């Protein structure tokens, strides 16, 4: 058994050796085949790579050509666009040249027409200037006459009072008493002591003397008013002359005294209409003012207040005249009345030339007063709560004279 096992092992070993040899031969064959395949694949890949490289180069060249053609096409399009724009510009220039030529023709025609219009305007302006000068002279004359007329009313009233006083004077009684005394000159003492009429004569003479003294005082007051009114007329004329010479006389004036002068000129008329005057004067030092103009304005305002209260049938006839400062650099005069008032729609028209709400009014006083206030660098304004509520006129003047004003010396020199 042992000998047989050894033989079997030997056979198996030989079989394995043959198998290994066959396997080695197969592996060698496979290796050779793999090497051959690898070489073949390398060759094929090389060819493929070359073909790809060639194709890639051709594609790049195609792309370059396409890009160049695209650039050329874009450049051509740009040039075409530029050419179109040039053509449009040329057409626009041609149209503009044509329009300019037409516009030049129209401008030349318009210029010729303008020259003709300018010539006509110059002629019309000359006519307007002449008309304006005539209208200005007429307005100045009207304003002067109106202002003088206001003062002449006071003069007329004062003259009437003096005339009435003289007509009703007790001088006639004094003359009769003197005739009695002359008739009894030989026994004057006995006549005065024993005769009934003679004993009454001394008392009668005393009464006549007192009456004549009162008449004299009253006439002196009216004469003073007449003198002030005449002086005011002179001031109005002098003011008008100063307008012509562009010089206004500025002098130190006590504002309250100026207000009193204006009241004095209208005093008789105010008393006749039973108007109570309330004076509201601040204690002010003399200030530089154009006396004539301010007096003219105050007389107009007081006259208007008197007329407004005369038209009002009911209510108390009361007028307040205020003089004082407004702020630190303004002098204020105000005239308030309890008259017929002013409608709201008329407050903006009250100072217009020729505007009036009175049947006998002319519309010059407030207009000229507003102009005078403006010429002095001030303002004249009106306030009213409506018809039947009275009105207040306020004159504000700068405490420093306006630049257009002149000192008395300058006015004299002019």
Protein backbone atom coordinates (compact mmCIF):
# COMPACT_ATOMS: atom_id res chain seq x y z
CA UNK A 1 0.00 0.00 0.00
CA UNK A 2 2.74 2.37 0.73
CA UNK A 3 4.43 1.77 -2.54
CA UNK A 4 1.19 2.45 -4.40
CA UNK A 5 0.55 5.78 -2.54
CA UNK A 6 4.00 7.02 -3.52
CA UNK A 7 3.29 6.28 -7.18
CA UNK A 8 -0.01 8.18 -6.95
CA UNK A 9 1.65 11.25 -5.45
CA UNK A 10 4.23 11.19 -8.20
CA UNK A 11 1.55 11.21 -10.87
CA UNK A 12 -0.29 14.05 -9.32
CA UNK A 13 2.90 16.12 -9.12
CA UNK A 14 3.60 15.62 -12.78
CA UNK A 15 0.08 16.61 -13.64
CA UNK A 16 0.46 19.87 -11.68
CA UNK A 17 3.73 20.57 -13.41
CA UNK A 18 2.11 20.26 -16.83
CA UNK A 19 -0.76 22.41 -15.77
CA UNK A 20 1.59 25.10 -14.57
CA UNK A 21 3.53 24.93 -17.83
CA UNK A 22 0.34 25.27 -19.79
CA UNK A 23 -0.76 28.09 -17.58
CA UNK A 24 2.55 29.85 -18.05
CA UNK A 25 2.24 29.41 -21.79
CA UNK A 26 -1.29 30.84 -21.67
CA UNK A 27 -0.16 33.74 -19.50
CA UNK A 28 2.73 34.42 -21.84
CA UNK A 29 0.33 34.37 -24.77
CA UNK A 30 -2.06 36.68 -22.95
CA UNK A 31 0.80 38.98 -22.09
CA UNK A 32 1.91 39.08 -25.67
CA UNK A 33 -1.61 39.71 -26.80
CA UNK A 34 -1.97 42.51 -24.15
CA UNK A 35 1.26 44.09 -25.27
CA UNK A 36 0.16 43.90 -28.86
CA UNK A 37 -3.25 45.35 -27.97
CA UNK A 38 -1.60 48.12 -25.95
CA UNK A 39 0.65 49.00 -28.82
CA UNK A 40 -2.33 48.93 -31.15
CA UNK A 41 -4.33 51.10 -28.82
CA UNK A 42 -1.41 53.55 -28.53
CA UNK A 43 -1.17 53.72 -32.25
CA UNK A 44 -4.92 54.22 -32.61
CA UNK A 45 -4.95 56.84 -29.85
CA UNK A 46 -2.04 58.65 -31.49
CA UNK A 47 -3.91 58.76 -34.73
CA UNK A 48 -7.07 59.85 -32.97
CA UNK A 49 -5.17 62.59 -31.12
CA UNK A 50 -3.63 63.79 -34.34
CA UNK A 51 -7.02 63.80 -35.97
CA UNK A 52 -8.53 65.67 -33.01
CA UNK A 53 -5.65 68.15 -33.07
CA UNK A 54 -6.16 68.72 -36.75
CA UNK A 55 -9.90 69.07 -36.31
CA UNK A 56 -9.35 71.40 -33.31
CA UNK A 57 -6.97 73.55 -35.36
CA UNK A 58 -9.49 73.66 -38.18
CA UNK A 59 -12.25 74.56 -35.72
CA UNK A 60 -10.10 77.34 -34.18
CA UNK A 61 -9.34 78.64 -37.65
CA UNK A 62 -13.04 78.53 -38.46
CA UNK A 63 -13.84 80.37 -35.25
CA UNK A 64 -11.15 82.98 -36.05
CA UNK A 65 -12.55 83.42 -39.50
CA UNK A 66 -16.07 83.71 -38.12
CA UNK A 67 -14.94 86.22 -35.48
CA UNK A 68 -13.16 88.26 -38.15
CA UNK A 69 -16.21 88.13 -40.36
CA UNK A 70 -18.40 89.15 -37.41
CA UNK A 71 -16.06 92.06 -36.61
CA UNK A 72 -16.14 93.10 -40.25
CA UNK A 73 -19.91 92.85 -40.29
CA UNK A 74 -20.20 94.93 -37.06
CA UNK A 75 -17.74 97.49 -38.45
CA UNK A 76 -19.75 97.64 -41.65
CA UNK A 77 -22.94 98.08 -39.62
CA UNK A 78 -21.33 100.88 -37.59
CA UNK A 79 -20.13 102.58 -40.73
CA UNK A 80 -23.59 102.19 -42.22
CA UNK A 81 -25.14 103.68 -39.06
CA UNK A 82 -22.64 106.54 -39.10
CA UNK A 83 -23.37 107.14 -42.75
CA UNK A 84 -27.08 107.19 -42.05
CA UNK A 85 -26.49 109.63 -39.19
CA UNK A 86 -24.35 111.79 -41.48
CA UNK A 87 -27.08 111.71 -44.07
CA UNK A 88 -29.67 112.65 -41.44
CA UNK A 89 -27.40 115.47 -40.20
CA UNK A 90 -26.95 116.71 -43.73
CA UNK A 91 -30.68 116.60 -44.28
CA UNK A 92 -31.25 118.35 -40.93
CA UNK A 93 -28.67 121.00 -41.84
CA UNK A 94 -30.35 121.49 -45.15
CA UNK A 95 -33.73 121.86 -43.44
CA UNK A 96 -32.21 124.18 -40.84
CA UNK A 97 -30.60 126.27 -43.53
CA UNK A 98 -33.93 126.49 -45.29
CA UNK A 99 -35.73 127.33 -42.03
CA UNK A 100 -33.04 129.87 -41.11
CA UNK A 101 -33.40 131.49 -44.46
CA UNK A 102 -37.16 131.64 -44.02
CA UNK A 103 -36.74 132.86 -40.41
CA UNK A 104 -34.30 135.53 -41.53
CA UNK A 105 -36.82 136.72 -44.03
CA UNK A 106 -39.52 136.82 -41.37
CA UNK A 107 -37.14 138.51 -38.91
CA UNK A 108 -36.27 141.17 -41.44
CA UNK A 109 -39.96 141.74 -42.09
CA UNK A 110 -40.65 141.80 -38.33
CA UNK A 111 -37.75 144.19 -37.82
CA UNK A 112 -39.12 146.54 -40.41
CA UNK A 113 -42.55 146.25 -38.81
CA UNK A 114 -40.99 146.75 -35.36
CA UNK A 115 -39.28 149.90 -36.54
CA UNK A 116 -42.61 151.17 -37.79
CA UNK A 117 -44.30 150.23 -34.49
CA UNK A 118 -41.46 151.83 -32.52
CA UNK A 119 -41.89 155.03 -34.46
CA UNK A 120 -45.64 154.97 -33.77
CA UNK A 121 -44.99 154.16 -30.09
CA UNK A 122 -42.59 157.08 -29.79
CA UNK A 123 -45.19 159.32 -31.27
CA UNK A 124 -47.85 157.91 -28.93
CA UNK A 125 -45.46 158.23 -25.98
CA UNK A 126 -44.90 161.87 -26.77
CA UNK A 127 -48.65 162.39 -26.88
CA UNK A 128 -49.08 160.44 -23.62
CA UNK A 129 -46.37 162.48 -21.92
CA UNK A 130 -48.07 165.68 -22.98
CA UNK A 131 -51.42 164.30 -21.78
CA UNK A 132 -49.85 163.09 -18.50
CA UNK A 133 -48.29 166.49 -17.89
CA UNK A 134 -51.64 168.16 -18.51
CA UNK A 135 -53.42 165.61 -16.28
CA UNK A 136 -50.76 166.03 -13.60
CA UNK A 137 -51.14 169.78 -13.67
CA UNK A 138 -54.92 169.38 -13.50
CA UNK A 139 -54.66 166.96 -10.56
CA UNK A 140 -52.23 169.22 -8.73
CA UNK A 141 -54.51 172.20 -9.31
CA UNK A 142 -57.52 170.17 -8.14
CA UNK A 143 -55.70 169.00 -5.01
CA UNK A 144 -54.54 172.51 -4.19
CA UNK A 145 -58.05 173.87 -4.72
CA UNK A 146 -59.49 171.10 -2.57
CA UNK A 147 -57.05 171.73 0.26
CA UNK A 148 -57.49 175.48 0.00
CA UNK A 149 -61.24 174.91 -0.11
CA UNK A 150 -61.10 173.00 3.18
CA UNK A 151 -59.31 175.93 4.80
CA UNK A 152 -61.61 178.47 3.14
CA UNK A 153 -64.54 176.70 4.77
CA UNK A 154 -62.98 177.52 8.12
CA UNK A 155 -62.26 181.06 6.92
CA UNK A 156 -65.86 181.41 5.79
CA UNK A 157 -67.16 180.12 9.13
CA UNK A 158 -64.86 182.43 11.10
CA UNK A 159 -65.80 185.40 8.86
CA UNK A 160 -69.46 184.54 9.37
CA UNK A 161 -69.02 184.45 13.14
CA UNK A 162 -67.21 187.81 13.09
CA UNK A 163 -69.90 189.29 10.83
CA UNK A 164 -72.70 187.96 13.01
CA UNK A 165 -70.97 189.30 16.13
CA UNK A 166 -70.58 192.73 14.56
CA UNK A 167 -74.19 192.80 13.35
CA UNK A 168 -75.45 191.88 16.80
CA UNK A 169 -72.88 193.93 18.66
CA UNK A 170 -73.84 196.00 21.75
CA UNK A 171 -71.97 198.94 20.27
CA UNK A 172 -75.32 200.41 19.14
CA UNK A 173 -76.49 200.39 22.76
CA UNK A 174 -73.29 202.09 23.80
CA UNK A 175 -73.90 204.79 21.20
CA UNK A 176 -77.42 205.40 22.54
CA UNK A 177 -76.05 205.63 26.09
CA UNK A 178 -73.48 208.15 24.93
CA UNK A 179 -76.23 210.19 23.26
CA UNK A 180 -78.14 210.31 26.55
CA UNK A 181 -75.03 211.42 28.40
CA UNK A 182 -74.31 214.11 25.81
CA UNK A 183 -77.93 215.28 26.00
CA UNK A 184 -77.53 215.79 29.78
CA UNK A 185 -73.95 216.99 29.69
CA UNK A 186 -74.84 220.16 31.60
CA UNK A 187 -76.36 218.35 34.60
CA UNK A 188 -74.80 214.91 34.11
CA UNK A 189 -74.23 214.30 37.81
CA UNK A 190 -77.85 215.13 38.73
CA UNK A 191 -79.09 213.05 35.77
CA UNK A 192 -77.13 210.00 36.90
CA UNK A 193 -78.28 210.29 40.49
CA UNK A 194 -81.83 211.74 40.33
CA UNK A 195 -83.29 210.56 37.02
CA UNK A 196 -84.63 206.99 36.85
CA UNK A 197 -83.06 206.34 33.46
CA UNK A 198 -79.86 208.10 34.52
CA UNK A 199 -79.46 205.88 37.57
CA UNK A 200 -79.71 202.79 35.29
CA UNK A 201 -77.08 204.12 32.94
CA UNK A 202 -73.91 203.12 34.90
CA UNK A 203 -75.12 199.56 35.26
CA UNK A 204 -76.07 199.48 31.62
CA UNK A 205 -72.63 200.80 30.63
CA UNK A 206 -70.99 198.13 32.80
CA UNK A 207 -73.08 195.39 31.14
CA UNK A 208 -72.32 196.81 27.67
CA UNK A 209 -68.63 197.00 28.55
CA UNK A 210 -68.61 193.35 29.65
CA UNK A 211 -70.54 192.31 26.52
CA UNK A 212 -68.16 194.25 24.28
CA UNK A 213 -65.19 192.68 26.08
CA UNK A 214 -66.65 189.20 25.43
CA UNK A 215 -67.34 190.14 21.81
CA UNK A 216 -63.77 191.37 21.51
CA UNK A 217 -62.39 188.11 22.95
CA UNK A 218 -64.59 186.04 20.63
CA UNK A 219 -63.60 188.06 17.58
CA UNK A 220 -59.93 187.84 18.57
CA UNK A 221 -60.28 184.06 18.67
CA UNK A 222 -61.92 184.05 15.26
CA UNK A 223 -59.28 186.44 13.93
CA UNK A 224 -56.60 184.07 15.26
CA UNK A 225 -58.35 181.23 13.43
CA UNK A 226 -58.49 183.38 10.30
CA UNK A 227 -54.78 184.15 10.59
CA UNK A 228 -53.95 180.44 11.06
CA UNK A 229 -56.19 179.50 8.15
CA UNK A 230 -54.56 182.11 5.91
CA UNK A 231 -51.14 180.87 7.05
CA UNK A 232 -52.24 177.32 6.22
CA UNK A 233 -53.28 178.45 2.74
CA UNK A 234 -49.84 179.98 2.37
CA UNK A 235 -48.34 176.69 3.57
CA UNK A 236 -50.39 174.78 0.97
CA UNK A 237 -49.15 177.06 -1.78
CA UNK A 238 -45.60 176.89 -0.43
CA UNK A 239 -45.84 173.09 -0.27
CA UNK A 240 -46.98 173.00 -3.88
CA UNK A 241 -44.08 175.23 -4.83
CA UNK A 242 -41.76 172.93 -2.94
CA UNK A 243 -43.15 170.01 -5.00
CA UNK A 244 -42.16 171.88 -8.13
CA UNK A 245 -38.68 172.56 -6.76
CA UNK A 246 -38.30 169.07 -5.23
CA UNK A 247 -37.45 170.57 -1.83
CA UNK A 248 -39.57 170.16 1.29
CA UNK A 249 -39.07 172.31 4.37
CA UNK A 250 -38.33 170.21 7.44
CA UNK A 251 -38.43 171.98 10.79
CA UNK A 252 -38.71 170.98 14.46
CA UNK A 253 -42.43 170.77 15.31
CA UNK A 254 -44.26 169.86 18.51
CA UNK A 255 -46.70 167.14 17.29
CA UNK A 256 -49.42 167.99 19.81
CA UNK A 257 -49.28 171.68 18.84
CA UNK A 258 -49.63 170.69 15.20
CA UNK A 259 -52.72 168.64 16.08
CA UNK A 260 -54.14 171.61 18.01
CA UNK A 261 -53.57 173.90 15.03
CA UNK A 262 -55.53 171.49 12.82
CA UNK A 263 -58.36 171.34 15.39
CA UNK A 264 -58.36 175.13 15.69
CA UNK A 265 -58.87 175.50 11.94
CA UNK A 266 -61.90 173.22 12.13
CA UNK A 267 -62.96 174.32 15.63
CA UNK A 268 -65.98 176.40 14.66
CA UNK A 269 -67.32 173.72 12.29
CA UNK A 270 -66.82 171.03 14.93
CA UNK A 271 -68.69 173.13 17.49
CA UNK A 272 -71.49 173.84 15.00
CA UNK A 273 -72.00 170.11 14.46
CA UNK A 274 -71.77 169.49 18.23
CA UNK A 275 -68.81 167.14 17.88
CA UNK A 276 -66.95 166.26 21.07
CA UNK A 277 -63.19 166.11 20.60
CA UNK A 278 -61.17 163.73 22.78
CA UNK A 279 -57.47 164.54 22.82
CA UNK A 280 -55.04 161.69 23.42
CA UNK A 281 -51.61 163.27 23.23
CA UNK A 282 -48.38 161.61 24.33
CA UNK A 283 -45.68 163.81 25.84
CA UNK A 284 -43.30 164.10 22.91
CA UNK A 285 -40.40 166.46 22.23
CA UNK A 286 -40.30 168.49 19.01
CA UNK A 287 -39.54 166.29 15.99
CA UNK A 288 -38.45 167.24 12.45
CA UNK A 289 -41.53 167.35 10.22
CA UNK A 290 -42.83 168.92 7.04
CA UNK A 291 -45.27 171.13 8.91
CA UNK A 292 -47.34 172.18 5.89
CA UNK A 293 -47.92 168.67 4.60
CA UNK A 294 -48.73 167.15 7.98
CA UNK A 295 -51.14 170.02 8.75
CA UNK A 296 -52.79 169.54 5.35
CA UNK A 297 -53.32 165.82 6.07
CA UNK A 298 -54.69 166.40 9.59
CA UNK A 299 -57.11 169.11 8.40
CA UNK A 300 -58.38 166.73 5.68
CA UNK A 301 -58.82 163.87 8.16
CA UNK A 302 -60.63 166.04 10.71
CA UNK A 303 -62.85 167.49 7.97
CA UNK A 304 -63.69 163.97 6.75
CA UNK A 305 -64.47 162.83 10.32
CA UNK A 306 -66.78 165.82 10.78
CA UNK A 307 -68.57 165.03 7.50
CA UNK A 308 -68.89 161.32 8.41
CA UNK A 309 -70.52 162.15 11.75
CA UNK A 310 -72.74 164.82 10.19
CA UNK A 311 -74.10 162.14 7.81
CA UNK A 312 -74.78 159.79 10.74
CA UNK A 313 -78.17 160.79 12.17
CA UNK A 314 -77.93 158.71 15.33
CA UNK A 315 -75.26 158.07 17.93
CA UNK A 316 -72.85 160.28 19.80
CA UNK A 317 -70.75 162.66 17.71
CA UNK A 318 -67.34 161.97 19.18
CA UNK A 319 -63.93 162.27 17.57
CA UNK A 320 -60.63 161.09 19.09
CA UNK A 321 -57.35 162.64 17.99
CA UNK A 322 -54.32 160.59 19.02
CA UNK A 323 -50.68 161.66 18.84
CA UNK A 324 -47.88 159.37 19.98
CA UNK A 325 -45.08 156.99 19.07
CA UNK A 326 -45.55 153.68 17.33
CA UNK A 327 -42.48 151.58 18.01
CA UNK A 328 -39.17 153.34 18.38
CA UNK A 329 -38.89 155.12 15.04
CA UNK A 330 -42.44 156.05 14.00
CA UNK A 331 -44.63 159.03 14.85
CA UNK A 332 -48.34 158.22 14.69
CA UNK A 333 -51.33 160.52 14.26
CA UNK A 334 -54.78 158.93 14.25
CA UNK A 335 -58.25 160.40 13.83
CA UNK A 336 -61.15 158.18 14.98
CA UNK A 337 -64.80 159.07 14.51
CA UNK A 338 -68.15 157.58 15.45
CA UNK A 339 -69.59 158.29 12.01
CA UNK A 340 -71.10 156.33 9.16
CA UNK A 341 -68.13 153.97 8.77
CA UNK A 342 -66.64 152.46 5.61
CA UNK A 343 -67.84 149.38 3.72
CA UNK A 344 -65.18 146.62 3.45
CA UNK A 345 -65.08 146.82 -0.35
CA UNK A 346 -64.28 150.54 -0.16
CA UNK A 347 -61.30 150.25 2.21
CA UNK A 348 -58.98 149.51 -0.74
CA UNK A 349 -60.52 152.26 -2.90
CA UNK A 350 -60.83 155.05 -0.36
CA UNK A 351 -57.50 156.65 -1.39
CA UNK A 352 -58.06 156.39 -5.15
CA UNK A 353 -58.15 159.63 -7.08
CA UNK A 354 -61.73 160.79 -7.59
CA UNK A 355 -63.32 158.11 -5.36
CA UNK A 356 -65.92 159.37 -2.89
CA UNK A 357 -69.09 158.12 -1.21
CA UNK A 358 -70.48 161.57 -0.44
CA UNK A 359 -72.83 163.38 -2.79
CA UNK A 360 -70.91 166.63 -2.42
CA UNK A 361 -67.47 164.97 -2.32
CA UNK A 362 -64.76 165.16 -4.97
CA UNK A 363 -62.42 162.29 -3.99
CA UNK A 364 -59.32 164.50 -3.87
CA UNK A 365 -58.63 165.01 -0.15
CA UNK A 366 -57.69 161.47 0.90
CA UNK A 367 -55.87 160.86 -2.38
CA UNK A 368 -53.70 163.97 -1.98
CA UNK A 369 -53.19 163.16 1.72
CA UNK A 370 -51.98 159.63 0.90
CA UNK A 371 -49.60 161.05 -1.72
CA UNK A 372 -48.27 163.61 0.78
CA UNK A 373 -47.73 160.87 3.39
CA UNK A 374 -45.84 158.74 0.88
CA UNK A 375 -43.70 161.70 -0.18
CA UNK A 376 -42.68 162.10 3.49
CA UNK A 377 -41.73 158.43 3.67
CA UNK A 378 -44.85 157.53 5.67
CA UNK A 379 -48.20 155.82 5.17
CA UNK A 380 -51.86 156.76 5.51
CA UNK A 381 -54.22 153.86 6.20
CA UNK A 382 -57.93 153.47 6.96
CA UNK A 383 -59.67 151.02 9.32
CA UNK A 384 -63.37 150.43 9.84
CA UNK A 385 -65.55 147.62 11.18
CA UNK A 386 -68.18 148.39 8.56
CA UNK A 387 -71.05 150.79 7.88
CA UNK A 388 -72.32 152.55 11.00
CA UNK A 389 -69.26 151.48 13.04
CA UNK A 390 -67.11 154.57 12.59
CA UNK A 391 -63.63 154.75 11.07
CA UNK A 392 -60.03 155.41 12.04
CA UNK A 393 -57.41 157.00 9.78
CA UNK A 394 -53.79 156.44 10.81
CA UNK A 395 -50.88 158.58 9.62
CA UNK A 396 -47.49 156.99 10.35
CA UNK A 397 -44.37 159.07 9.73
CA UNK A 398 -40.71 158.15 10.22
CA UNK A 399 -39.02 160.10 12.98
CA UNK A 400 -36.03 160.40 10.65
CA UNK A 401 -36.90 162.58 7.60
CA UNK A 402 -37.15 160.86 4.25
CA UNK A 403 -34.19 161.22 1.91
CA UNK A 404 -36.24 163.37 -0.47
CA UNK A 405 -36.79 166.04 2.19
CA UNK A 406 -34.64 169.10 2.67
CA UNK A 407 -33.75 171.43 5.46
CA UNK A 408 -35.08 175.00 5.45
CA UNK A 409 -31.70 176.24 4.27
CA UNK A 410 -31.74 173.80 1.36
CA UNK A 411 -35.28 174.80 0.43
CA UNK A 412 -34.34 178.44 0.51
CA UNK A 413 -31.32 177.83 -1.62
CA UNK A 414 -33.42 176.07 -4.22
